[in-house]
Amino acid sequence: MRCVIARFPFELTKGVVLEKMKGVRPEPVTGVSVVIGRRRYPVMQAGAVITRQDRRDFTPGEVIRALTLLGFVCRPGPSAAPADLVGLFPQASDLLGGPPA
């Protein structure tokens, strides 16, 4: 499949991506990630290895689009705090006495 990443065309297939990522240790995932084989890689790391370009030359969206079209699963990054915990902070503050008035 022909993919354009950072204005450069690449002929990528699922097998090519698997071969290029073989033996690459995943960095810690802090944002959007992609599952390649049995490992979970940050999207920017996968894009850098596959394209052999500097990470500043492409966006995560370009890599996500290409890898999704090839059949890989991309997952969103971890959120700051689960939504159900946000409402518990004022309640906990009230139970602990809250700030002095």
Protein backbone atom coordinates (compact mmCIF):
# COMPACT_ATOMS: atom_id res chain seq x y z
CA MET A 1 0.00 0.00 0.00
CA ARG A 2 1.31 3.44 -0.85
CA CYS A 3 1.42 5.79 2.16
CA VAL A 4 2.61 9.38 2.30
CA ILE A 5 4.30 10.35 5.56
CA ALA A 6 6.05 13.71 5.88
CA ARG A 7 5.59 14.34 2.14
CA PHE A 8 7.51 11.16 1.23
CA PRO A 9 5.83 8.15 -0.37
CA PHE A 10 6.34 4.70 1.17
CA GLU A 11 5.28 1.28 -0.08
CA LEU A 12 4.23 -0.41 3.14
CA THR A 13 2.63 -3.75 3.87
CA LYS A 14 1.85 -5.36 7.18
CA GLY A 15 4.76 -7.77 6.69
CA VAL A 16 7.21 -4.94 6.00
CA VAL A 17 6.16 -3.15 9.18
CA LEU A 18 6.45 -6.35 11.25
CA GLU A 19 9.92 -7.01 9.81
CA LYS A 20 11.17 -3.47 10.50
CA MET A 21 9.87 -3.52 14.09
CA LYS A 22 11.34 -6.95 14.85
CA GLY A 23 13.85 -6.68 17.68
CA VAL A 24 12.98 -3.05 18.53
CA ARG A 25 12.38 -2.49 22.26
CA PRO A 26 9.29 -0.38 22.97
CA GLU A 27 9.79 2.93 24.74
CA PRO A 28 7.45 3.78 27.63
CA VAL A 29 4.00 4.66 26.30
CA THR A 30 2.89 8.15 27.33
CA GLY A 31 0.58 9.02 24.45
CA VAL A 32 -1.05 7.31 21.49
CA SER A 33 0.26 3.79 20.91
CA VAL A 34 0.09 1.07 18.28
CA VAL A 35 0.08 -2.69 18.79
CA ILE A 36 2.59 -4.38 16.47
CA GLY A 37 2.96 -8.09 17.00
CA ARG A 38 2.50 -8.57 20.73
CA ARG A 39 4.14 -5.30 21.73
CA ARG A 40 2.72 -1.85 22.28
CA TYR A 41 4.84 0.97 20.80
CA PRO A 42 4.44 4.74 20.97
CA VAL A 43 3.21 5.86 17.54
CA MET A 44 6.11 8.27 17.07
CA GLN A 45 8.69 5.54 17.79
CA ALA A 46 7.04 3.21 15.28
CA GLY A 47 6.92 5.98 12.68
CA ALA A 48 10.60 6.79 13.16
CA VAL A 49 11.66 3.15 12.80
CA ILE A 50 9.44 2.45 9.80
CA THR A 51 10.24 5.62 7.83
CA ARG A 52 13.83 6.16 9.11
CA GLN A 53 12.96 9.85 9.51
CA ASP A 54 13.36 12.20 12.43
CA ARG A 55 10.28 12.33 14.67
CA ARG A 56 9.98 16.07 14.10
CA ASP A 57 9.34 15.48 10.38
CA PHE A 58 5.93 13.79 10.70
CA THR A 59 2.82 13.95 12.86
CA PRO A 60 1.24 11.16 14.90
CA GLY A 61 -1.86 11.46 12.73
CA GLU A 62 0.04 10.51 9.58
CA VAL A 63 1.44 7.37 11.20
CA ILE A 64 -1.89 6.45 12.82
CA ARG A 65 -3.68 6.76 9.48
CA ALA A 66 -1.11 4.59 7.67
CA LEU A 67 -0.91 1.88 10.35
CA THR A 68 -4.69 1.72 10.77
CA LEU A 69 -5.11 1.20 7.02
CA LEU A 70 -2.59 -1.64 7.23
CA GLY A 71 -4.68 -3.32 9.95
CA PHE A 72 -2.80 -2.40 13.12
CA VAL A 73 -4.66 -1.31 16.25
CA CYS A 74 -3.92 2.20 17.53
CA ARG A 75 -4.94 3.09 21.08
CA PRO A 76 -5.36 6.51 22.69
CA GLY A 77 -2.98 7.65 25.38
CA PRO A 78 -3.70 7.42 29.08
CA SER A 79 -5.96 10.13 30.44
CA ALA A 80 -4.94 12.44 33.27
CA ALA A 81 -7.66 11.31 35.69
CA PRO A 82 -10.74 9.14 35.25
CA ALA A 83 -13.92 11.22 35.02
CA ASP A 84 -15.54 9.50 38.01
CA LEU A 85 -12.67 10.56 40.32
CA VAL A 86 -12.95 14.25 39.44
CA GLY A 87 -16.20 14.61 41.43
CA LEU A 88 -14.68 12.90 44.48
CA PHE A 89 -12.08 15.58 45.20
CA PRO A 90 -14.50 18.21 46.57
CA GLN A 91 -16.27 15.51 48.60
CA ALA A 92 -12.98 14.30 50.09
CA SER A 93 -11.98 17.87 50.86
CA ASP A 94 -15.25 18.44 52.73
CA LEU A 95 -14.79 15.21 54.71
CA LEU A 96 -11.28 16.24 55.73
CA GLY A 97 -12.43 19.64 56.90
CA GLY A 98 -11.63 21.64 53.80
CA PRO A 99 -9.55 24.80 53.75
CA PRO A 100 -10.05 27.32 56.57
CA ALA A 101 -12.61 30.01 55.75
